[in-house]
Amino acid sequence: MTVSIEQENIERGVAYLDSIDLEWRSRVDVDTLDMTQEQSDVLAQVTGMSFYDAVAAATLSSGEHWSDGLRRWAIEHGFSLPYISDEDEARQAWHDFTEAWRQEVSRG
């Protein structure tokens, strides 16, 4: 089974980032961008918060517990991927996901 990177999810994420800062792309270092790292992913680089804190802030959650709702929001907005049980497949999917965001950031 191959996980596809849903471009429409990334587009929702772009719309969210545009809503908080139209210049968000200038705050992302594509060389250090890594969607597997909560301090180096696109949300962390744009907001200055960890991935989890940024998702909690975006969803107006207290952030005390990582819930299915927060996970779903992150996936639907292209900031995370669904769980992938196969380790090799997961590694490739996260690599492709980071590359998709690098391309998106470079568009601006």
C-alpha atoms as a PDB file:
ATOM      1  CA  MET A   1       0.000   0.000   0.000  1.00  0.00           C
ATOM      2  CA  THR A   2       1.348   3.411  -0.949  1.00  0.00           C
ATOM      3  CA  VAL A   3       0.390   6.568   0.889  1.00  0.00           C
ATOM      4  CA  SER A   4      -0.351   9.443  -1.406  1.00  0.00           C
ATOM      5  CA  ILE A   5       0.378  12.998  -0.414  1.00  0.00           C
ATOM      6  CA  GLU A   6      -2.966  14.756  -0.715  1.00  0.00           C
ATOM      7  CA  GLN A   7      -2.290  18.075  -2.408  1.00  0.00           C
ATOM      8  CA  GLU A   8      -5.725  19.356  -1.362  1.00  0.00           C
ATOM      9  CA  ASN A   9      -4.703  18.871   2.279  1.00  0.00           C
ATOM     10  CA  ILE A  10      -1.542  20.891   1.713  1.00  0.00           C
ATOM     11  CA  GLU A  11      -3.648  23.554  -0.026  1.00  0.00           C
ATOM     12  CA  ARG A  12      -5.836  23.775   3.109  1.00  0.00           C
ATOM     13  CA  GLY A  13      -2.655  24.157   5.128  1.00  0.00           C
ATOM     14  CA  VAL A  14      -1.456  26.930   2.829  1.00  0.00           C
ATOM     15  CA  ALA A  15      -4.810  28.693   3.229  1.00  0.00           C
ATOM     16  CA  TYR A  16      -4.493  28.411   7.006  1.00  0.00           C
ATOM     17  CA  LEU A  17      -0.931  29.789   6.962  1.00  0.00           C
ATOM     18  CA  ASP A  18      -2.032  32.606   4.636  1.00  0.00           C
ATOM     19  CA  SER A  19      -4.771  33.463   7.147  1.00  0.00           C
ATOM     20  CA  ILE A  20      -2.249  33.973   9.936  1.00  0.00           C
ATOM     21  CA  ASP A  21       0.620  35.508   7.942  1.00  0.00           C
ATOM     22  CA  LEU A  22       0.692  36.229   4.221  1.00  0.00           C
ATOM     23  CA  GLU A  23       4.501  36.308   4.356  1.00  0.00           C
ATOM     24  CA  TRP A  24       4.800  32.885   6.023  1.00  0.00           C
ATOM     25  CA  ARG A  25       6.954  31.435   3.228  1.00  0.00           C
ATOM     26  CA  SER A  26       9.751  33.870   4.057  1.00  0.00           C
ATOM     27  CA  ARG A  27       9.946  32.379   7.563  1.00  0.00           C
ATOM     28  CA  VAL A  28      10.491  28.789   6.376  1.00  0.00           C
ATOM     29  CA  ASP A  29      14.019  27.510   5.848  1.00  0.00           C
ATOM     30  CA  VAL A  30      13.560  24.807   3.201  1.00  0.00           C
ATOM     31  CA  ASP A  31      17.027  23.415   3.948  1.00  0.00           C
ATOM     32  CA  THR A  32      16.057  22.538   7.525  1.00  0.00           C
ATOM     33  CA  LEU A  33      12.375  21.840   6.860  1.00  0.00           C
ATOM     34  CA  ASP A  34      11.559  18.363   8.127  1.00  0.00           C
ATOM     35  CA  MET A  35       7.925  17.381   8.556  1.00  0.00           C
ATOM     36  CA  THR A  36       8.937  14.571  10.945  1.00  0.00           C
ATOM     37  CA  GLN A  37      10.438  16.986  13.474  1.00  0.00           C
ATOM     38  CA  GLU A  38       8.068  18.977  15.666  1.00  0.00           C
ATOM     39  CA  GLN A  39      10.528  21.899  15.894  1.00  0.00           C
ATOM     40  CA  SER A  40      11.477  21.932  12.185  1.00  0.00           C
ATOM     41  CA  ASP A  41       8.171  21.299  10.434  1.00  0.00           C
ATOM     42  CA  VAL A  42       6.394  24.082   8.570  1.00  0.00           C
ATOM     43  CA  LEU A  43       4.054  24.953  11.453  1.00  0.00           C
ATOM     44  CA  ALA A  44       6.901  25.243  13.933  1.00  0.00           C
ATOM     45  CA  GLN A  45       8.965  27.410  11.610  1.00  0.00           C
ATOM     46  CA  VAL A  46       6.056  29.750  10.850  1.00  0.00           C
ATOM     47  CA  THR A  47       4.535  30.026  14.323  1.00  0.00           C
ATOM     48  CA  GLY A  48       7.619  29.662  16.509  1.00  0.00           C
ATOM     49  CA  MET A  49       5.766  26.972  18.494  1.00  0.00           C
ATOM     50  CA  SER A  50       6.162  23.226  18.522  1.00  0.00           C
ATOM     51  CA  PHE A  51       3.980  21.296  16.090  1.00  0.00           C
ATOM     52  CA  TYR A  52       1.644  20.186  18.897  1.00  0.00           C
ATOM     53  CA  ASP A  53       1.287  23.669  20.389  1.00  0.00           C
ATOM     54  CA  ALA A  54       0.673  25.169  16.934  1.00  0.00           C
ATOM     55  CA  VAL A  55      -2.075  22.630  16.164  1.00  0.00           C
ATOM     56  CA  ALA A  56      -3.669  23.253  19.557  1.00  0.00           C
ATOM     57  CA  ALA A  57      -3.574  27.015  18.945  1.00  0.00           C
ATOM     58  CA  ALA A  58      -5.016  26.637  15.437  1.00  0.00           C
ATOM     59  CA  THR A  59      -7.910  24.553  16.710  1.00  0.00           C
ATOM     60  CA  LEU A  60      -8.411  26.670  19.840  1.00  0.00           C
ATOM     61  CA  SER A  61      -7.773  23.589  21.949  1.00  0.00           C
ATOM     62  CA  SER A  62      -6.277  23.676  25.399  1.00  0.00           C
ATOM     63  CA  GLY A  63      -3.594  21.367  24.024  1.00  0.00           C
ATOM     64  CA  GLU A  64      -3.576  19.351  27.227  1.00  0.00           C
ATOM     65  CA  HIS A  65      -4.265  16.105  25.379  1.00  0.00           C
ATOM     66  CA  TRP A  66      -3.384  15.082  21.838  1.00  0.00           C
ATOM     67  CA  SER A  67      -6.764  13.946  20.563  1.00  0.00           C
ATOM     68  CA  ASP A  68      -8.118  12.348  17.414  1.00  0.00           C
ATOM     69  CA  GLY A  69      -9.670  15.720  16.539  1.00  0.00           C
ATOM     70  CA  LEU A  70      -6.301  17.467  16.648  1.00  0.00           C
ATOM     71  CA  ARG A  71      -4.680  14.675  14.658  1.00  0.00           C
ATOM     72  CA  ARG A  72      -7.486  14.824  12.062  1.00  0.00           C
ATOM     73  CA  TRP A  73      -7.148  18.622  11.744  1.00  0.00           C
ATOM     74  CA  ALA A  74      -3.369  18.280  11.226  1.00  0.00           C
ATOM     75  CA  ILE A  75      -3.853  15.635   8.529  1.00  0.00           C
ATOM     76  CA  GLU A  76      -6.685  17.507   6.800  1.00  0.00           C
ATOM     77  CA  HIS A  77      -4.529  20.647   6.671  1.00  0.00           C
ATOM     78  CA  GLY A  78      -1.467  18.876   5.305  1.00  0.00           C
ATOM     79  CA  PHE A  79       0.630  19.183   8.447  1.00  0.00           C
ATOM     80  CA  SER A  80       0.719  15.461   9.239  1.00  0.00           C
ATOM     81  CA  LEU A  81       0.167  12.057   7.657  1.00  0.00           C
ATOM     82  CA  PRO A  82      -2.069   9.235   8.783  1.00  0.00           C
ATOM     83  CA  TYR A  83      -0.404   6.405  10.672  1.00  0.00           C
ATOM     84  CA  ILE A  84       1.621   4.066   8.423  1.00  0.00           C
ATOM     85  CA  SER A  85       2.492   0.701   9.942  1.00  0.00           C
ATOM     86  CA  ASP A  86       5.220  -0.321   7.501  1.00  0.00           C
ATOM     87  CA  GLU A  87       8.464   1.362   8.571  1.00  0.00           C
ATOM     88  CA  ASP A  88       9.980   1.656   5.081  1.00  0.00           C
ATOM     89  CA  GLU A  89       6.742   2.953   3.635  1.00  0.00           C
ATOM     90  CA  ALA A  90       6.405   5.449   6.470  1.00  0.00           C
ATOM     91  CA  ARG A  91       9.961   6.723   5.959  1.00  0.00           C
ATOM     92  CA  GLN A  92       9.334   7.214   2.233  1.00  0.00           C
ATOM     93  CA  ALA A  93       5.958   8.864   2.781  1.00  0.00           C
ATOM     94  CA  TRP A  94       7.375  11.361   5.283  1.00  0.00           C
ATOM     95  CA  HIS A  95      10.288  12.096   2.946  1.00  0.00           C
ATOM     96  CA  ASP A  96       7.843  12.737   0.069  1.00  0.00           C
ATOM     97  CA  PHE A  97       5.673  14.829   2.391  1.00  0.00           C
ATOM     98  CA  THR A  98       8.614  17.044   3.341  1.00  0.00           C
ATOM     99  CA  GLU A  99       9.514  17.407  -0.347  1.00  0.00           C
ATOM    100  CA  ALA A 100       5.930  18.411  -1.184  1.00  0.00           C
ATOM    101  CA  TRP A 101       6.089  21.159   1.432  1.00  0.00           C
ATOM    102  CA  ARG A 102       9.512  22.307   0.193  1.00  0.00           C
ATOM    103  CA  GLN A 103       8.035  22.690  -3.285  1.00  0.00           C
ATOM    104  CA  GLU A 104       5.043  24.566  -1.872  1.00  0.00           C
ATOM    105  CA  VAL A 105       7.242  26.960   0.095  1.00  0.00           C
ATOM    106  CA  SER A 106       9.393  27.585  -2.983  1.00  0.00           C
ATOM    107  CA  ARG A 107       6.355  28.557  -5.071  1.00  0.00           C
ATOM    108  CA  GLY A 108       6.001  31.821  -3.250  1.00  0.00           C
END
